[in-house]
C-alpha atoms as a PDB file:
ATOM      1  CA  UNK A   1      78.952 -31.081  37.928  1.00  0.00           C
ATOM      2  CA  UNK A   2      78.455 -28.978  34.813  1.00  0.00           C
ATOM      3  CA  UNK A   3      77.233 -30.877  31.776  1.00  0.00           C
ATOM      4  CA  UNK A   4      79.187 -30.530  28.551  1.00  0.00           C
ATOM      5  CA  UNK A   5      77.398 -28.389  25.958  1.00  0.00           C
ATOM      6  CA  UNK A   6      75.503 -30.340  23.337  1.00  0.00           C
ATOM      7  CA  UNK A   7      77.320 -30.680  20.025  1.00  0.00           C
ATOM      8  CA  UNK A   8      75.454 -29.601  16.908  1.00  0.00           C
ATOM      9  CA  UNK A   9      74.774 -32.478  14.504  1.00  0.00           C
ATOM     10  CA  UNK A  10      76.765 -32.606  11.272  1.00  0.00           C
ATOM     11  CA  UNK A  11      74.549 -33.237   8.252  1.00  0.00           C
ATOM     12  CA  UNK A  12      75.415 -33.712   4.561  1.00  0.00           C
ATOM     13  CA  UNK A  13      72.734 -33.374   1.865  1.00  0.00           C
ATOM     14  CA  UNK A  14      73.096 -33.971  -1.865  1.00  0.00           C
ATOM     15  CA  UNK A  15      70.729 -32.058  -4.132  1.00  0.00           C
ATOM     16  CA  UNK A  16      70.080 -29.552  -1.363  1.00  0.00           C
ATOM     17  CA  UNK A  17      69.503 -26.746  -3.836  1.00  0.00           C
ATOM     18  CA  UNK A  18      66.204 -28.253  -5.007  1.00  0.00           C
ATOM     19  CA  UNK A  19      62.766 -28.174  -3.415  1.00  0.00           C
ATOM     20  CA  UNK A  20      62.855 -31.313  -1.260  1.00  0.00           C
ATOM     21  CA  UNK A  21      66.584 -31.015  -0.601  1.00  0.00           C
ATOM     22  CA  UNK A  22      66.183 -27.376   0.377  1.00  0.00           C
ATOM     23  CA  UNK A  23      63.382 -28.229   2.795  1.00  0.00           C
ATOM     24  CA  UNK A  24      65.572 -30.922   4.348  1.00  0.00           C
ATOM     25  CA  UNK A  25      68.380 -28.428   4.805  1.00  0.00           C
ATOM     26  CA  UNK A  26      65.951 -25.927   6.339  1.00  0.00           C
ATOM     27  CA  UNK A  27      64.620 -28.548   8.748  1.00  0.00           C
ATOM     28  CA  UNK A  28      68.039 -29.416  10.145  1.00  0.00           C
ATOM     29  CA  UNK A  29      69.229 -25.809  10.209  1.00  0.00           C
ATOM     30  CA  UNK A  30      66.198 -25.013  12.384  1.00  0.00           C
ATOM     31  CA  UNK A  31      67.473 -27.605  14.852  1.00  0.00           C
ATOM     32  CA  UNK A  32      70.944 -26.079  15.009  1.00  0.00           C
ATOM     33  CA  UNK A  33      72.739 -28.560  12.740  1.00  0.00           C
ATOM     34  CA  UNK A  34      75.866 -27.778  10.766  1.00  0.00           C
ATOM     35  CA  UNK A  35      74.808 -28.607   7.194  1.00  0.00           C
ATOM     36  CA  UNK A  36      76.868 -29.187   4.048  1.00  0.00           C
ATOM     37  CA  UNK A  37      75.281 -29.324   0.598  1.00  0.00           C
ATOM     38  CA  UNK A  38      76.663 -31.146  -2.445  1.00  0.00           C
ATOM     39  CA  UNK A  39      75.035 -29.935  -5.648  1.00  0.00           C
ATOM     40  CA  UNK A  40      75.649 -28.424  -9.061  1.00  0.00           C
ATOM     41  CA  UNK A  41      74.577 -25.013  -7.786  1.00  0.00           C
ATOM     42  CA  UNK A  42      74.493 -23.255  -4.406  1.00  0.00           C
ATOM     43  CA  UNK A  43      71.413 -22.720  -2.283  1.00  0.00           C
ATOM     44  CA  UNK A  44      70.461 -19.425  -0.622  1.00  0.00           C
ATOM     45  CA  UNK A  45      69.731 -21.394   2.540  1.00  0.00           C
ATOM     46  CA  UNK A  46      73.478 -21.805   3.156  1.00  0.00           C
ATOM     47  CA  UNK A  47      76.558 -19.581   2.975  1.00  0.00           C
ATOM     48  CA  UNK A  48      78.587 -20.253  -0.215  1.00  0.00           C
ATOM     49  CA  UNK A  49      81.285 -22.132   1.702  1.00  0.00           C
ATOM     50  CA  UNK A  50      78.788 -24.747   2.808  1.00  0.00           C
ATOM     51  CA  UNK A  51      77.907 -25.931  -0.709  1.00  0.00           C
ATOM     52  CA  UNK A  52      80.456 -28.107  -2.475  1.00  0.00           C
ATOM     53  CA  UNK A  53      79.744 -27.698  -6.179  1.00  0.00           C
ATOM     54  CA  UNK A  54      79.884 -31.135  -7.796  1.00  0.00           C
ATOM     55  CA  UNK A  55      78.195 -33.473 -10.253  1.00  0.00           C
ATOM     56  CA  UNK A  56      77.359 -36.506  -8.113  1.00  0.00           C
ATOM     57  CA  UNK A  57      77.577 -38.715 -11.212  1.00  0.00           C
ATOM     58  CA  UNK A  58      81.362 -38.102 -11.274  1.00  0.00           C
ATOM     59  CA  UNK A  59      83.186 -40.101  -8.555  1.00  0.00           C
ATOM     60  CA  UNK A  60      86.212 -37.775  -8.740  1.00  0.00           C
ATOM     61  CA  UNK A  61      83.958 -34.760  -8.180  1.00  0.00           C
ATOM     62  CA  UNK A  62      82.319 -36.575  -5.262  1.00  0.00           C
ATOM     63  CA  UNK A  63      85.739 -37.211  -3.676  1.00  0.00           C
ATOM     64  CA  UNK A  64      86.639 -33.529  -4.056  1.00  0.00           C
ATOM     65  CA  UNK A  65      83.283 -32.461  -2.600  1.00  0.00           C
ATOM     66  CA  UNK A  66      83.820 -34.571   0.489  1.00  0.00           C
ATOM     67  CA  UNK A  67      87.206 -32.933   0.993  1.00  0.00           C
ATOM     68  CA  UNK A  68      85.280 -29.651   1.234  1.00  0.00           C
ATOM     69  CA  UNK A  69      82.875 -31.303   3.693  1.00  0.00           C
ATOM     70  CA  UNK A  70      85.807 -32.596   5.760  1.00  0.00           C
ATOM     71  CA  UNK A  71      87.114 -29.045   6.031  1.00  0.00           C
ATOM     72  CA  UNK A  72      83.736 -27.678   7.079  1.00  0.00           C
ATOM     73  CA  UNK A  73      83.391 -30.406   9.717  1.00  0.00           C
ATOM     74  CA  UNK A  74      87.007 -29.999  10.880  1.00  0.00           C
ATOM     75  CA  UNK A  75      87.759 -33.602   9.972  1.00  0.00           C
ATOM     76  CA  UNK A  76      84.832 -35.053  11.928  1.00  0.00           C
ATOM     77  CA  UNK A  77      82.499 -37.619  10.406  1.00  0.00           C
ATOM     78  CA  UNK A  78      78.953 -36.642   9.437  1.00  0.00           C
ATOM     79  CA  UNK A  79      76.228 -37.812  11.782  1.00  0.00           C
ATOM     80  CA  UNK A  80      73.635 -37.924   9.009  1.00  0.00           C
ATOM     81  CA  UNK A  81      73.867 -38.206   5.244  1.00  0.00           C
ATOM     82  CA  UNK A  82      70.850 -37.643   2.966  1.00  0.00           C
ATOM     83  CA  UNK A  83      70.996 -38.426  -0.762  1.00  0.00           C
ATOM     84  CA  UNK A  84      68.414 -36.283  -2.521  1.00  0.00           C
ATOM     85  CA  UNK A  85      70.015 -35.493  -5.896  1.00  0.00           C
ATOM     86  CA  UNK A  86      67.996 -36.984  -8.771  1.00  0.00           C
ATOM     87  CA  UNK A  87      66.748 -36.331 -12.288  1.00  0.00           C
ATOM     88  CA  UNK A  88      63.851 -37.572 -14.394  1.00  0.00           C
ATOM     89  CA  UNK A  89      63.857 -37.447 -18.193  1.00  0.00           C
ATOM     90  CA  UNK A  90      60.280 -38.303 -19.246  1.00  0.00           C
ATOM     91  CA  UNK A  91      59.807 -40.249 -22.465  1.00  0.00           C
ATOM     92  CA  UNK A  92      57.850 -43.214 -23.754  1.00  0.00           C
ATOM     93  CA  UNK A  93      59.739 -46.498 -23.346  1.00  0.00           C
ATOM     94  CA  UNK A  94      60.149 -46.734 -27.130  1.00  0.00           C
ATOM     95  CA  UNK A  95      61.679 -43.260 -27.324  1.00  0.00           C
ATOM     96  CA  UNK A  96      64.165 -43.235 -24.426  1.00  0.00           C
ATOM     97  CA  UNK A  97      67.614 -42.254 -25.715  1.00  0.00           C
ATOM     98  CA  UNK A  98      70.809 -43.932 -24.499  1.00  0.00           C
ATOM     99  CA  UNK A  99      72.052 -40.550 -23.266  1.00  0.00           C
ATOM    100  CA  UNK A 100      68.975 -39.936 -21.090  1.00  0.00           C
ATOM    101  CA  UNK A 101      69.014 -43.520 -19.808  1.00  0.00           C
ATOM    102  CA  UNK A 102      72.678 -43.254 -18.837  1.00  0.00           C
ATOM    103  CA  UNK A 103      72.306 -39.823 -17.241  1.00  0.00           C
ATOM    104  CA  UNK A 104      69.367 -40.956 -15.095  1.00  0.00           C
ATOM    105  CA  UNK A 105      71.223 -43.984 -13.773  1.00  0.00           C
ATOM    106  CA  UNK A 106      74.449 -41.992 -13.368  1.00  0.00           C
ATOM    107  CA  UNK A 107      72.831 -39.467 -11.024  1.00  0.00           C
ATOM    108  CA  UNK A 108      70.048 -41.442  -9.364  1.00  0.00           C
ATOM    109  CA  UNK A 109      71.922 -44.708  -8.795  1.00  0.00           C
ATOM    110  CA  UNK A 110      75.674 -44.261  -9.244  1.00  0.00           C
ATOM    111  CA  UNK A 111      75.606 -40.797  -7.690  1.00  0.00           C
ATOM    112  CA  UNK A 112      73.599 -42.050  -4.723  1.00  0.00           C
ATOM    113  CA  UNK A 113      75.890 -45.056  -4.322  1.00  0.00           C
ATOM    114  CA  UNK A 114      79.208 -43.219  -4.327  1.00  0.00           C
ATOM    115  CA  UNK A 115      78.129 -40.231  -2.232  1.00  0.00           C
ATOM    116  CA  UNK A 116      76.669 -42.614   0.357  1.00  0.00           C
ATOM    117  CA  UNK A 117      79.834 -44.694   0.219  1.00  0.00           C
ATOM    118  CA  UNK A 118      81.985 -41.622   0.910  1.00  0.00           C
ATOM    119  CA  UNK A 119      79.797 -40.672   3.871  1.00  0.00           C
ATOM    120  CA  UNK A 120      79.741 -44.227   5.223  1.00  0.00           C
ATOM    121  CA  UNK A 121      83.534 -44.536   5.095  1.00  0.00           C
ATOM    122  CA  UNK A 122      83.755 -41.530   7.387  1.00  0.00           C
ATOM    123  CA  UNK A 123      81.025 -42.835   9.687  1.00  0.00           C
ATOM    124  CA  UNK A 124      82.823 -46.181   9.954  1.00  0.00           C
ATOM    125  CA  UNK A 125      85.737 -44.459  11.696  1.00  0.00           C
ATOM    126  CA  UNK A 126      83.463 -43.441  14.574  1.00  0.00           C
ATOM    127  CA  UNK A 127      81.253 -46.548  14.440  1.00  0.00           C
ATOM    128  CA  UNK A 128      77.979 -44.667  14.102  1.00  0.00           C
ATOM    129  CA  UNK A 129      75.838 -42.754  11.660  1.00  0.00           C
ATOM    130  CA  UNK A 130      72.547 -42.573   9.802  1.00  0.00           C
ATOM    131  CA  UNK A 131      71.985 -42.543   6.049  1.00  0.00           C
ATOM    132  CA  UNK A 132      68.697 -41.670   4.361  1.00  0.00           C
ATOM    133  CA  UNK A 133      68.130 -42.018   0.622  1.00  0.00           C
ATOM    134  CA  UNK A 134      65.248 -40.225  -1.079  1.00  0.00           C
ATOM    135  CA  UNK A 135      63.283 -42.776  -3.071  1.00  0.00           C
ATOM    136  CA  UNK A 136      59.770 -42.468  -4.557  1.00  0.00           C
ATOM    137  CA  UNK A 137      56.460 -44.262  -4.853  1.00  0.00           C
ATOM    138  CA  UNK A 138      57.712 -44.834  -8.411  1.00  0.00           C
ATOM    139  CA  UNK A 139      59.905 -47.595  -6.957  1.00  0.00           C
ATOM    140  CA  UNK A 140      56.718 -49.636  -6.486  1.00  0.00           C
ATOM    141  CA  UNK A 141      54.752 -48.696  -9.608  1.00  0.00           C
ATOM    142  CA  UNK A 142      54.989 -48.154 -13.322  1.00  0.00           C
ATOM    143  CA  UNK A 143      54.416 -44.528 -14.321  1.00  0.00           C
ATOM    144  CA  UNK A 144      53.729 -43.524 -17.920  1.00  0.00           C
ATOM    145  CA  UNK A 145      56.694 -41.679 -19.446  1.00  0.00           C
ATOM    146  CA  UNK A 146      58.901 -42.505 -16.452  1.00  0.00           C
ATOM    147  CA  UNK A 147      59.931 -46.149 -16.722  1.00  0.00           C
ATOM    148  CA  UNK A 148      63.624 -45.250 -16.411  1.00  0.00           C
ATOM    149  CA  UNK A 149      63.037 -43.089 -13.334  1.00  0.00           C
ATOM    150  CA  UNK A 150      60.976 -45.881 -11.769  1.00  0.00           C
ATOM    151  CA  UNK A 151      63.808 -48.322 -12.433  1.00  0.00           C
ATOM    152  CA  UNK A 152      66.328 -46.037 -10.738  1.00  0.00           C
ATOM    153  CA  UNK A 153      64.130 -45.687  -7.669  1.00  0.00           C
ATOM    154  CA  UNK A 154      63.581 -49.447  -7.509  1.00  0.00           C
ATOM    155  CA  UNK A 155      67.372 -49.716  -7.521  1.00  0.00           C
ATOM    156  CA  UNK A 156      67.461 -47.246  -4.630  1.00  0.00           C
ATOM    157  CA  UNK A 157      65.096 -49.442  -2.614  1.00  0.00           C
ATOM    158  CA  UNK A 158      67.337 -52.459  -3.188  1.00  0.00           C
ATOM    159  CA  UNK A 159      70.423 -50.408  -2.371  1.00  0.00           C
ATOM    160  CA  UNK A 160      68.926 -49.372   0.973  1.00  0.00           C
ATOM    161  CA  UNK A 161      68.482 -53.010   1.932  1.00  0.00           C
ATOM    162  CA  UNK A 162      71.964 -54.039   0.828  1.00  0.00           C
ATOM    163  CA  UNK A 163      73.647 -51.071   2.510  1.00  0.00           C
ATOM    164  CA  UNK A 164      71.736 -51.726   5.720  1.00  0.00           C
ATOM    165  CA  UNK A 165      73.180 -55.249   5.864  1.00  0.00           C
ATOM    166  CA  UNK A 166      76.706 -54.153   4.932  1.00  0.00           C
ATOM    167  CA  UNK A 167      76.887 -51.208   7.332  1.00  0.00           C
ATOM    168  CA  UNK A 168      75.094 -52.614  10.392  1.00  0.00           C
ATOM    169  CA  UNK A 169      78.364 -53.971  11.890  1.00  0.00           C
ATOM    170  CA  UNK A 170      79.570 -50.355  12.100  1.00  0.00           C
ATOM    171  CA  UNK A 171      76.357 -49.135  13.779  1.00  0.00           C
ATOM    172  CA  UNK A 172      75.394 -47.236  10.626  1.00  0.00           C
ATOM    173  CA  UNK A 173      71.686 -47.335   9.807  1.00  0.00           C
ATOM    174  CA  UNK A 174      70.371 -46.945   6.266  1.00  0.00           C
ATOM    175  CA  UNK A 175      66.774 -46.110   5.375  1.00  0.00           C
ATOM    176  CA  UNK A 176      64.810 -44.314   2.670  1.00  0.00           C
ATOM    177  CA  UNK A 177      61.903 -41.924   2.411  1.00  0.00           C
ATOM    178  CA  UNK A 178      59.639 -42.399  -0.612  1.00  0.00           C
ATOM    179  CA  UNK A 179      57.509 -39.346  -1.413  1.00  0.00           C
ATOM    180  CA  UNK A 180      54.323 -39.501  -3.388  1.00  0.00           C
ATOM    181  CA  UNK A 181      53.292 -36.582  -5.639  1.00  0.00           C
ATOM    182  CA  UNK A 182      54.758 -33.359  -4.227  1.00  0.00           C
ATOM    183  CA  UNK A 183      53.415 -29.855  -4.774  1.00  0.00           C
ATOM    184  CA  UNK A 184      56.687 -28.556  -6.173  1.00  0.00           C
ATOM    185  CA  UNK A 185      58.290 -28.663  -9.611  1.00  0.00           C
ATOM    186  CA  UNK A 186      61.996 -29.289  -9.181  1.00  0.00           C
ATOM    187  CA  UNK A 187      64.525 -28.447 -11.854  1.00  0.00           C
ATOM    188  CA  UNK A 188      65.541 -31.572 -13.767  1.00  0.00           C
ATOM    189  CA  UNK A 189      62.397 -33.508 -12.854  1.00  0.00           C
ATOM    190  CA  UNK A 190      59.468 -34.510 -15.035  1.00  0.00           C
ATOM    191  CA  UNK A 191      56.762 -31.851 -15.397  1.00  0.00           C
ATOM    192  CA  UNK A 192      53.948 -34.269 -16.211  1.00  0.00           C
ATOM    193  CA  UNK A 193      51.563 -32.610 -13.739  1.00  0.00           C
ATOM    194  CA  UNK A 194      51.540 -29.534 -15.953  1.00  0.00           C
ATOM    195  CA  UNK A 195      48.939 -31.516 -17.901  1.00  0.00           C
ATOM    196  CA  UNK A 196      45.622 -30.651 -16.166  1.00  0.00           C
ATOM    197  CA  UNK A 197      44.235 -34.132 -16.746  1.00  0.00           C
ATOM    198  CA  UNK A 198      47.233 -35.798 -15.097  1.00  0.00           C
ATOM    199  CA  UNK A 199      47.058 -33.274 -12.249  1.00  0.00           C
ATOM    200  CA  UNK A 200      43.387 -34.102 -11.677  1.00  0.00           C
ATOM    201  CA  UNK A 201      43.996 -37.844 -11.875  1.00  0.00           C
ATOM    202  CA  UNK A 202      46.775 -37.779  -9.271  1.00  0.00           C
ATOM    203  CA  UNK A 203      44.719 -35.692  -6.872  1.00  0.00           C
ATOM    204  CA  UNK A 204      41.715 -37.982  -7.249  1.00  0.00           C
ATOM    205  CA  UNK A 205      43.862 -41.067  -6.716  1.00  0.00           C
ATOM    206  CA  UNK A 206      45.216 -39.700  -3.423  1.00  0.00           C
ATOM    207  CA  UNK A 207      42.954 -40.446  -0.444  1.00  0.00           C
ATOM    208  CA  UNK A 208      44.050 -37.301   1.422  1.00  0.00           C
ATOM    209  CA  UNK A 209      43.111 -35.417  -1.772  1.00  0.00           C
ATOM    210  CA  UNK A 210      46.138 -33.172  -1.982  1.00  0.00           C
ATOM    211  CA  UNK A 211      49.797 -33.288  -2.911  1.00  0.00           C
ATOM    212  CA  UNK A 212      52.480 -33.380  -0.255  1.00  0.00           C
ATOM    213  CA  UNK A 213      54.933 -30.594   0.489  1.00  0.00           C
ATOM    214  CA  UNK A 214      58.727 -30.638   0.611  1.00  0.00           C
ATOM    215  CA  UNK A 215      58.518 -29.801   4.325  1.00  0.00           C
ATOM    216  CA  UNK A 216      56.468 -32.944   4.942  1.00  0.00           C
ATOM    217  CA  UNK A 217      59.160 -35.023   3.254  1.00  0.00           C
ATOM    218  CA  UNK A 218      61.744 -33.319   5.468  1.00  0.00           C
ATOM    219  CA  UNK A 219      59.672 -34.283   8.523  1.00  0.00           C
ATOM    220  CA  UNK A 220      59.769 -37.926   7.426  1.00  0.00           C
ATOM    221  CA  UNK A 221      63.531 -37.773   6.887  1.00  0.00           C
ATOM    222  CA  UNK A 222      64.055 -36.419  10.401  1.00  0.00           C
ATOM    223  CA  UNK A 223      61.814 -39.151  11.833  1.00  0.00           C
ATOM    224  CA  UNK A 224      63.420 -42.141  10.117  1.00  0.00           C
ATOM    225  CA  UNK A 225      66.933 -40.757  10.620  1.00  0.00           C
ATOM    226  CA  UNK A 226      66.420 -40.818  14.386  1.00  0.00           C
ATOM    227  CA  UNK A 227      64.520 -44.066  14.822  1.00  0.00           C
ATOM    228  CA  UNK A 228      67.223 -46.179  16.456  1.00  0.00           C
ATOM    229  CA  UNK A 229      66.028 -49.677  15.550  1.00  0.00           C
ATOM    230  CA  UNK A 230      65.011 -48.950  11.965  1.00  0.00           C
ATOM    231  CA  UNK A 231      67.350 -49.948   9.161  1.00  0.00           C
ATOM    232  CA  UNK A 232      66.794 -51.233   5.639  1.00  0.00           C
ATOM    233  CA  UNK A 233      63.339 -49.639   5.513  1.00  0.00           C
ATOM    234  CA  UNK A 234      61.557 -47.325   3.087  1.00  0.00           C
ATOM    235  CA  UNK A 235      59.047 -44.949   4.683  1.00  0.00           C
ATOM    236  CA  UNK A 236      56.457 -43.858   2.115  1.00  0.00           C
ATOM    237  CA  UNK A 237      54.837 -40.466   2.650  1.00  0.00           C
ATOM    238  CA  UNK A 238      52.231 -40.213  -0.059  1.00  0.00           C
ATOM    239  CA  UNK A 239      48.819 -39.236   1.318  1.00  0.00           C
ATOM    240  CA  UNK A 240      47.678 -42.833   0.853  1.00  0.00           C
ATOM    241  CA  UNK A 241      48.607 -42.944  -2.855  1.00  0.00           C
ATOM    242  CA  UNK A 242      50.144 -46.430  -2.780  1.00  0.00           C
ATOM    243  CA  UNK A 243      47.375 -47.815  -0.581  1.00  0.00           C
ATOM    244  CA  UNK A 244      44.628 -46.754  -2.969  1.00  0.00           C
ATOM    245  CA  UNK A 245      43.939 -49.130  -5.806  1.00  0.00           C
ATOM    246  CA  UNK A 246      40.797 -47.032  -6.156  1.00  0.00           C
ATOM    247  CA  UNK A 247      40.272 -43.890  -4.129  1.00  0.00           C
ATOM    248  CA  UNK A 248      36.990 -42.007  -3.805  1.00  0.00           C
ATOM    249  CA  UNK A 249      36.931 -39.266  -6.410  1.00  0.00           C
ATOM    250  CA  UNK A 250      34.583 -37.092  -8.434  1.00  0.00           C
ATOM    251  CA  UNK A 251      30.905 -37.370  -7.545  1.00  0.00           C
ATOM    252  CA  UNK A 252      31.502 -40.245  -5.107  1.00  0.00           C
ATOM    253  CA  UNK A 253      33.930 -38.157  -3.058  1.00  0.00           C
ATOM    254  CA  UNK A 254      31.639 -35.132  -3.171  1.00  0.00           C
ATOM    255  CA  UNK A 255      28.764 -37.238  -1.848  1.00  0.00           C
ATOM    256  CA  UNK A 256      30.874 -38.438   1.087  1.00  0.00           C
ATOM    257  CA  UNK A 257      31.985 -34.910   1.855  1.00  0.00           C
ATOM    258  CA  UNK A 258      28.392 -33.751   2.251  1.00  0.00           C
END
């Protein structure tokens, strides 16, 4: 008896035109997936017809983008949805403007919520699916100049847990990947590491003594997306950053290295 050919997975990514999102798209393309991107601008990783141009903060634009996705997938539900679109508007707590506060929550929280909701409604029809939200170590810590961003990522962590409970009856799993400092400056994100002192501090605080790469985040997304009994979890990939209240650095690290 001849086995039926394997079907290529259908994957939707928001923010796929950025560094981490682009690496995620590249990872699943390398495995033969059919990938749709929802973003404000296209990515060279995909043909133009596979990016639905939309502001994820606008629910009407999200609905229109998923109509494009439905056409690309011939009406089939996505197997995997990854919410990567995010912004960070750095400012001291006392100087955060209402406009920047609202824009951060509109993209990072409302945009994540309603794009995931649209994907989950389609997955519910087939009673299966996997959703991965991109969080951050900032969900667990206070970062100077980024209290609003940290608050949005803490909201993402809570959303993962709530969605996991709500969607489990439909066999839809929901998890997150929380990167630590990444060796890539994405458009729309804080550029605090341009300060040499901050750059040095973050490296010295990281036990593996380097920043991560977008490809390493993509590896973590692929892992958690396919772990069948994991739901409601956040997988941190940070080189030990969260584990280190005090890492070896400076002369102490040099002494250990020799």
